[in-house]
């Protein structure tokens, strides 16, 4: 039986799913950039904040919700991806590749 999630954990997962759904609404050539932006942002915030720091997590949820709402606008066609994000993605992909032998 999986562990029961707190309300805050459910809110974070709901925001992450909403962000990933937003990515699917973007033009195909830039979806990878949006997806990298979402994955990197959530991972970066998760490593910077303690699970016990509820007020900061709530702040990040409010900030993230506003950001996703802005990116959901159909007028937003592209996003900026930094060199750090691309480097993190290369390391992350390298670590998740399965070796076949």
Protein backbone atom coordinates (compact mmCIF):
# COMPACT_ATOMS: atom_id res chain seq x y z
CA UNK A 1 0.00 0.00 0.00
CA UNK A 2 1.51 3.38 -1.00
CA UNK A 3 2.04 5.93 1.76
CA UNK A 4 -0.71 8.48 2.26
CA UNK A 5 0.19 11.90 0.88
CA UNK A 6 -0.39 15.13 2.76
CA UNK A 7 -2.53 17.90 1.33
CA UNK A 8 0.60 19.89 0.51
CA UNK A 9 2.13 16.95 -1.38
CA UNK A 10 -1.09 16.55 -3.34
CA UNK A 11 -1.06 20.27 -4.20
CA UNK A 12 2.52 20.06 -5.49
CA UNK A 13 1.70 17.00 -7.62
CA UNK A 14 -1.43 18.71 -8.95
CA UNK A 15 0.61 21.75 -9.98
CA UNK A 16 3.24 19.52 -11.63
CA UNK A 17 0.56 17.66 -13.63
CA UNK A 18 -1.01 20.98 -14.64
CA UNK A 19 2.38 22.23 -15.82
CA UNK A 20 2.94 19.07 -17.87
CA UNK A 21 -0.53 19.43 -19.42
CA UNK A 22 0.37 23.02 -20.30
CA UNK A 23 3.46 21.71 -22.14
CA UNK A 24 1.24 19.55 -24.35
CA UNK A 25 -0.67 22.66 -25.47
CA UNK A 26 2.46 24.31 -26.89
CA UNK A 27 3.74 24.02 -30.48
CA UNK A 28 5.59 20.74 -31.11
CA UNK A 29 9.02 22.31 -31.87
CA UNK A 30 9.22 23.99 -28.44
CA UNK A 31 7.59 21.36 -26.22
CA UNK A 32 10.97 19.92 -25.23
CA UNK A 33 12.08 23.34 -23.98
CA UNK A 34 8.91 23.81 -21.95
CA UNK A 35 9.19 20.30 -20.52
CA UNK A 36 12.83 20.85 -19.56
CA UNK A 37 11.88 24.15 -17.93
CA UNK A 38 9.13 22.48 -15.87
CA UNK A 39 11.22 19.45 -14.85
CA UNK A 40 14.27 21.56 -13.94
CA UNK A 41 12.26 24.10 -11.96
CA UNK A 42 10.47 21.47 -9.89
CA UNK A 43 13.66 19.48 -9.30
CA UNK A 44 15.65 22.59 -8.40
CA UNK A 45 13.01 23.78 -5.92
CA UNK A 46 12.70 20.29 -4.41
CA UNK A 47 16.42 20.17 -3.67
CA UNK A 48 16.49 23.67 -2.17
CA UNK A 49 13.64 23.43 0.32
CA UNK A 50 13.14 21.22 3.34
CA UNK A 51 9.92 19.20 3.37
CA UNK A 52 9.26 20.67 6.82
CA UNK A 53 9.36 24.28 5.59
CA UNK A 54 5.62 24.47 4.91
CA UNK A 55 5.39 28.25 4.53
CA UNK A 56 8.12 28.31 1.86
CA UNK A 57 6.51 25.39 0.00
CA UNK A 58 3.20 27.26 0.05
CA UNK A 59 5.01 30.34 -1.31
CA UNK A 60 6.52 28.24 -4.12
CA UNK A 61 3.08 26.79 -4.90
CA UNK A 62 1.57 30.27 -5.23
CA UNK A 63 4.49 31.44 -7.36
CA UNK A 64 4.36 28.30 -9.51
CA UNK A 65 0.61 28.61 -10.01
CA UNK A 66 1.00 32.18 -11.25
CA UNK A 67 3.82 31.10 -13.54
CA UNK A 68 1.84 28.18 -15.02
CA UNK A 69 -1.16 30.46 -15.54
CA UNK A 70 1.07 32.87 -17.46
CA UNK A 71 2.51 30.08 -19.61
CA UNK A 72 -0.95 28.62 -20.29
CA UNK A 73 -1.77 31.75 -22.29
CA UNK A 74 -2.01 30.72 -25.97
CA UNK A 75 0.06 33.79 -26.86
CA UNK A 76 3.12 32.30 -25.14
CA UNK A 77 4.85 30.32 -27.87
CA UNK A 78 8.34 29.78 -26.45
CA UNK A 79 10.33 29.86 -23.23
CA UNK A 80 13.93 30.52 -22.32
CA UNK A 81 16.15 27.64 -21.24
CA UNK A 82 19.48 28.41 -19.58
CA UNK A 83 22.81 26.65 -20.06
CA UNK A 84 22.47 25.30 -16.50
CA UNK A 85 19.15 23.71 -17.39
CA UNK A 86 20.61 22.06 -20.49
CA UNK A 87 23.64 20.80 -18.56
CA UNK A 88 21.38 19.40 -15.83
CA UNK A 89 19.27 17.67 -18.48
CA UNK A 90 22.33 15.99 -20.02
CA UNK A 91 23.44 14.69 -16.60
CA UNK A 92 19.90 13.61 -15.71
CA UNK A 93 19.44 11.76 -19.01
CA UNK A 94 22.82 10.10 -18.67
CA UNK A 95 21.88 8.87 -15.20
CA UNK A 96 18.53 7.49 -16.33
CA UNK A 97 19.76 5.63 -19.39
CA UNK A 98 19.61 1.88 -19.09
CA UNK A 99 22.51 -0.18 -20.26
CA UNK A 100 21.66 -3.11 -22.46
CA UNK A 101 24.11 -5.94 -22.70
